[in-house]
Amino acid sequence: MIGQELGKTTNATATDLPEGYKMTELGPLPEEWRVVRLGEVVTLKKGRKPPKLLKTYQRGSLPYLTAAYFRSGTVEAWIPSSSVEESSYL
C-alpha cells in the first residue's frame, strides 16, 4: 500500500507519489480524500454499552470502539448486527 511504502515520516514530495495520490500531514492519501477531525464524521456517545458484544467480527457487526482502541488501534469487540438493527446503542 502507498502509505506503508512511503510512510508518514518519509521525505517524499508530491512528485514522488503515484498518480492519484497527494501528500498530507498524515502521509500519502488518495486525491479525493480529505483530512478531517474524527468529530466531523462521527457522533461520539459514551456511557452505554450494548448488552452483547462479540470477540470476533461477524457479517453486519460494527466495531465497538473504546479509549483502548484509540491507544492501540486494535478492535477488541464487535457490536452484533442484532444490536445494530435496534440502533438504540448507536
N, C-alpha and C. Protein backbone atom coordinates (compact mmCIF):
# COMPACT_ATOMS: atom_id res chain seq x y z
N MET A 1 0.83 -1.18 0.00
CA MET A 1 0.00 0.00 0.00
C MET A 1 0.87 1.24 0.00
N ILE A 2 0.37 2.30 -0.56
CA ILE A 2 1.16 3.51 -0.71
C ILE A 2 1.63 4.05 0.63
N GLY A 3 0.72 4.20 1.61
CA GLY A 3 1.10 4.74 2.91
C GLY A 3 2.16 3.90 3.60
N GLN A 4 2.08 2.58 3.47
CA GLN A 4 3.07 1.71 4.08
C GLN A 4 4.39 1.79 3.34
N GLU A 5 4.34 1.94 2.03
CA GLU A 5 5.57 2.03 1.25
C GLU A 5 6.32 3.31 1.55
N LEU A 6 5.61 4.42 1.60
CA LEU A 6 6.26 5.70 1.81
C LEU A 6 6.34 6.08 3.29
N GLY A 7 5.35 5.67 4.06
CA GLY A 7 5.32 6.01 5.48
C GLY A 7 5.08 7.49 5.69
N LYS A 8 4.56 7.86 6.88
CA LYS A 8 4.29 9.27 7.08
C LYS A 8 5.50 10.06 7.52
N THR A 9 6.60 9.41 7.83
CA THR A 9 7.80 10.14 8.22
C THR A 9 8.77 10.30 7.06
N THR A 10 8.37 9.90 5.88
CA THR A 10 9.23 9.99 4.72
C THR A 10 9.41 11.44 4.28
N ASN A 11 10.44 11.68 3.53
CA ASN A 11 10.66 13.00 2.94
C ASN A 11 10.11 13.06 1.54
N ALA A 12 9.20 12.16 1.20
CA ALA A 12 8.63 12.11 -0.13
C ALA A 12 7.91 13.42 -0.44
N THR A 13 7.97 13.81 -1.68
CA THR A 13 7.26 15.00 -2.14
C THR A 13 6.14 14.56 -3.06
N ALA A 14 5.30 15.51 -3.45
CA ALA A 14 4.18 15.20 -4.33
C ALA A 14 4.66 14.57 -5.63
N THR A 15 5.85 14.92 -6.09
CA THR A 15 6.35 14.35 -7.35
C THR A 15 6.77 12.89 -7.18
N ASP A 16 6.99 12.44 -5.92
CA ASP A 16 7.37 11.05 -5.65
C ASP A 16 6.16 10.12 -5.58
N LEU A 17 4.97 10.68 -5.48
CA LEU A 17 3.77 9.88 -5.29
C LEU A 17 3.21 9.37 -6.61
N PRO A 18 2.57 8.20 -6.58
CA PRO A 18 1.91 7.71 -7.79
C PRO A 18 0.76 8.64 -8.18
N GLU A 19 0.37 8.58 -9.41
CA GLU A 19 -0.75 9.38 -9.88
C GLU A 19 -1.99 9.05 -9.06
N GLY A 20 -2.75 10.08 -8.71
CA GLY A 20 -3.97 9.89 -7.94
C GLY A 20 -3.78 10.02 -6.44
N TYR A 21 -2.55 10.31 -5.99
CA TYR A 21 -2.27 10.47 -4.56
C TYR A 21 -1.74 11.87 -4.28
N LYS A 22 -1.95 12.32 -3.03
CA LYS A 22 -1.42 13.60 -2.59
C LYS A 22 -0.78 13.41 -1.22
N MET A 23 0.18 14.27 -0.89
CA MET A 23 0.81 14.21 0.42
C MET A 23 0.03 15.08 1.38
N THR A 24 -0.28 14.55 2.56
CA THR A 24 -0.99 15.29 3.61
C THR A 24 -0.18 15.22 4.89
N GLU A 25 -0.65 15.89 5.93
CA GLU A 25 0.05 15.84 7.22
C GLU A 25 0.02 14.44 7.82
N LEU A 26 -0.87 13.57 7.33
CA LEU A 26 -0.94 12.18 7.79
C LEU A 26 -0.12 11.24 6.92
N GLY A 27 0.38 11.75 5.82
CA GLY A 27 1.10 10.93 4.85
C GLY A 27 0.33 10.91 3.55
N PRO A 28 0.70 10.02 2.62
CA PRO A 28 0.04 9.98 1.32
C PRO A 28 -1.40 9.47 1.42
N LEU A 29 -2.30 10.15 0.71
CA LEU A 29 -3.71 9.76 0.66
C LEU A 29 -4.22 9.90 -0.77
N PRO A 30 -5.26 9.14 -1.14
CA PRO A 30 -5.87 9.35 -2.45
C PRO A 30 -6.32 10.80 -2.59
N GLU A 31 -6.21 11.35 -3.79
CA GLU A 31 -6.54 12.76 -4.02
C GLU A 31 -7.96 13.12 -3.62
N GLU A 32 -8.91 12.18 -3.74
CA GLU A 32 -10.31 12.50 -3.43
C GLU A 32 -10.60 12.47 -1.93
N TRP A 33 -9.67 12.03 -1.11
CA TRP A 33 -9.85 12.01 0.34
C TRP A 33 -9.44 13.35 0.92
N ARG A 34 -9.97 13.67 2.10
CA ARG A 34 -9.54 14.86 2.81
C ARG A 34 -9.32 14.51 4.27
N VAL A 35 -8.43 15.23 4.91
CA VAL A 35 -8.13 15.01 6.32
C VAL A 35 -9.13 15.82 7.14
N VAL A 36 -9.80 15.16 8.08
CA VAL A 36 -10.77 15.82 8.95
C VAL A 36 -10.55 15.34 10.38
N ARG A 37 -11.10 16.07 11.32
CA ARG A 37 -11.10 15.62 12.71
C ARG A 37 -12.17 14.55 12.86
N LEU A 38 -11.93 13.58 13.72
CA LEU A 38 -12.86 12.47 13.91
C LEU A 38 -14.27 12.96 14.22
N GLY A 39 -14.41 13.98 15.04
CA GLY A 39 -15.71 14.51 15.42
C GLY A 39 -16.50 15.10 14.27
N GLU A 40 -15.84 15.38 13.15
CA GLU A 40 -16.53 15.90 11.97
C GLU A 40 -17.28 14.81 11.20
N VAL A 41 -16.92 13.57 11.40
CA VAL A 41 -17.51 12.50 10.60
C VAL A 41 -18.23 11.42 11.41
N VAL A 42 -18.12 11.50 12.74
CA VAL A 42 -18.83 10.54 13.60
C VAL A 42 -19.45 11.28 14.78
N THR A 43 -20.42 10.66 15.38
CA THR A 43 -21.01 11.17 16.61
C THR A 43 -20.55 10.25 17.73
N LEU A 44 -19.83 10.82 18.67
CA LEU A 44 -19.33 10.02 19.78
C LEU A 44 -20.35 10.01 20.90
N LYS A 45 -20.63 8.81 21.41
CA LYS A 45 -21.53 8.65 22.54
C LYS A 45 -20.80 7.84 23.59
N LYS A 46 -21.07 8.14 24.83
CA LYS A 46 -20.43 7.35 25.88
C LYS A 46 -21.43 7.04 26.98
N GLY A 47 -21.10 6.03 27.74
CA GLY A 47 -21.91 5.71 28.89
C GLY A 47 -22.86 4.54 28.69
N ARG A 48 -23.07 4.10 27.47
CA ARG A 48 -23.96 2.96 27.24
C ARG A 48 -23.20 1.88 26.50
N LYS A 49 -23.20 0.72 27.06
CA LYS A 49 -22.54 -0.43 26.44
C LYS A 49 -23.62 -1.39 25.96
N PRO A 50 -23.51 -1.87 24.73
CA PRO A 50 -24.50 -2.84 24.25
C PRO A 50 -24.54 -4.06 25.17
N PRO A 51 -25.71 -4.69 25.31
CA PRO A 51 -25.83 -5.83 26.22
C PRO A 51 -24.99 -7.03 25.77
N LYS A 52 -24.70 -7.11 24.48
CA LYS A 52 -23.92 -8.24 23.97
C LYS A 52 -22.84 -7.72 23.03
N LEU A 53 -21.62 -8.21 23.23
CA LEU A 53 -20.50 -7.88 22.35
C LEU A 53 -19.88 -9.17 21.84
N LEU A 54 -19.35 -9.13 20.65
CA LEU A 54 -18.69 -10.29 20.05
C LEU A 54 -17.18 -10.12 20.15
N LYS A 55 -16.46 -11.23 20.28
CA LYS A 55 -15.00 -11.17 20.33
C LYS A 55 -14.38 -11.12 18.94
N THR A 56 -15.14 -11.56 17.93
CA THR A 56 -14.64 -11.55 16.55
C THR A 56 -15.69 -10.93 15.64
N TYR A 57 -15.23 -10.45 14.49
CA TYR A 57 -16.13 -9.84 13.52
C TYR A 57 -17.08 -10.88 12.95
N GLN A 58 -18.34 -10.51 12.81
CA GLN A 58 -19.33 -11.30 12.09
C GLN A 58 -20.00 -10.37 11.10
N ARG A 59 -20.48 -10.91 10.01
CA ARG A 59 -21.10 -10.10 8.97
C ARG A 59 -22.17 -9.17 9.56
N GLY A 60 -22.07 -7.89 9.22
CA GLY A 60 -23.03 -6.90 9.68
C GLY A 60 -22.69 -6.26 11.01
N SER A 61 -21.68 -6.78 11.71
CA SER A 61 -21.33 -6.19 13.00
C SER A 61 -20.50 -4.92 12.80
N LEU A 62 -20.47 -4.10 13.84
CA LEU A 62 -19.70 -2.86 13.83
C LEU A 62 -18.65 -2.91 14.92
N PRO A 63 -17.52 -2.26 14.72
CA PRO A 63 -16.51 -2.26 15.79
C PRO A 63 -17.01 -1.47 16.99
N TYR A 64 -16.75 -1.99 18.19
CA TYR A 64 -17.07 -1.29 19.44
C TYR A 64 -15.79 -0.59 19.86
N LEU A 65 -15.74 0.72 19.69
CA LEU A 65 -14.52 1.47 19.91
C LEU A 65 -14.50 2.06 21.32
N THR A 66 -13.44 1.76 22.03
CA THR A 66 -13.24 2.28 23.38
C THR A 66 -11.98 3.14 23.37
N ALA A 67 -11.66 3.74 24.50
CA ALA A 67 -10.43 4.52 24.60
C ALA A 67 -9.22 3.65 24.28
N ALA A 68 -9.27 2.37 24.65
CA ALA A 68 -8.16 1.46 24.37
C ALA A 68 -7.91 1.35 22.87
N TYR A 69 -8.96 1.38 22.07
CA TYR A 69 -8.78 1.31 20.62
C TYR A 69 -7.96 2.50 20.12
N PHE A 70 -8.22 3.67 20.64
CA PHE A 70 -7.52 4.86 20.16
C PHE A 70 -6.06 4.89 20.61
N ARG A 71 -5.72 4.09 21.62
CA ARG A 71 -4.33 3.95 22.02
C ARG A 71 -3.63 2.87 21.21
N SER A 72 -4.32 1.75 20.97
CA SER A 72 -3.67 0.59 20.33
C SER A 72 -3.99 0.44 18.86
N GLY A 73 -5.15 0.95 18.43
CA GLY A 73 -5.56 0.76 17.05
C GLY A 73 -6.14 -0.61 16.78
N THR A 74 -6.39 -1.38 17.83
CA THR A 74 -6.89 -2.74 17.69
C THR A 74 -8.33 -2.83 18.20
N VAL A 75 -9.23 -3.34 17.37
CA VAL A 75 -10.62 -3.54 17.78
C VAL A 75 -10.67 -4.82 18.59
N GLU A 76 -11.16 -4.73 19.81
CA GLU A 76 -11.21 -5.90 20.69
C GLU A 76 -12.61 -6.48 20.82
N ALA A 77 -13.64 -5.75 20.37
CA ALA A 77 -15.01 -6.24 20.47
C ALA A 77 -15.84 -5.67 19.33
N TRP A 78 -16.91 -6.39 19.01
CA TRP A 78 -17.78 -6.01 17.90
C TRP A 78 -19.23 -5.99 18.37
N ILE A 79 -20.00 -5.03 17.87
CA ILE A 79 -21.43 -4.95 18.19
C ILE A 79 -22.15 -5.84 17.19
N PRO A 80 -22.91 -6.84 17.64
CA PRO A 80 -23.59 -7.75 16.71
C PRO A 80 -24.64 -7.02 15.88
N SER A 81 -24.93 -7.57 14.71
CA SER A 81 -25.88 -6.95 13.80
C SER A 81 -27.26 -6.79 14.43
N SER A 82 -27.64 -7.67 15.35
CA SER A 82 -28.94 -7.54 16.01
C SER A 82 -29.02 -6.23 16.79
N SER A 83 -27.93 -5.84 17.46
CA SER A 83 -27.89 -4.56 18.16
C SER A 83 -27.81 -3.39 17.21
N VAL A 84 -27.13 -3.60 16.08
CA VAL A 84 -27.03 -2.55 15.06
C VAL A 84 -28.43 -2.25 14.52
N GLU A 85 -29.21 -3.29 14.27
CA GLU A 85 -30.56 -3.11 13.73
C GLU A 85 -31.46 -2.39 14.74
N GLU A 86 -31.29 -2.67 16.04
CA GLU A 86 -32.07 -1.99 17.07
C GLU A 86 -31.69 -0.53 17.16
N SER A 87 -30.43 -0.23 16.89
CA SER A 87 -29.82 1.10 16.84
C SER A 87 -29.99 1.93 18.13
N SER A 88 -30.41 1.33 19.21
CA SER A 88 -30.50 2.10 20.44
C SER A 88 -29.13 2.33 21.05
N TYR A 89 -28.12 1.64 20.56
CA TYR A 89 -26.78 1.78 21.09
C TYR A 89 -25.87 2.53 20.14
N LEU A 90 -26.39 3.04 19.06
CA LEU A 90 -25.57 3.72 18.07
C LEU A 90 -25.85 5.19 18.05
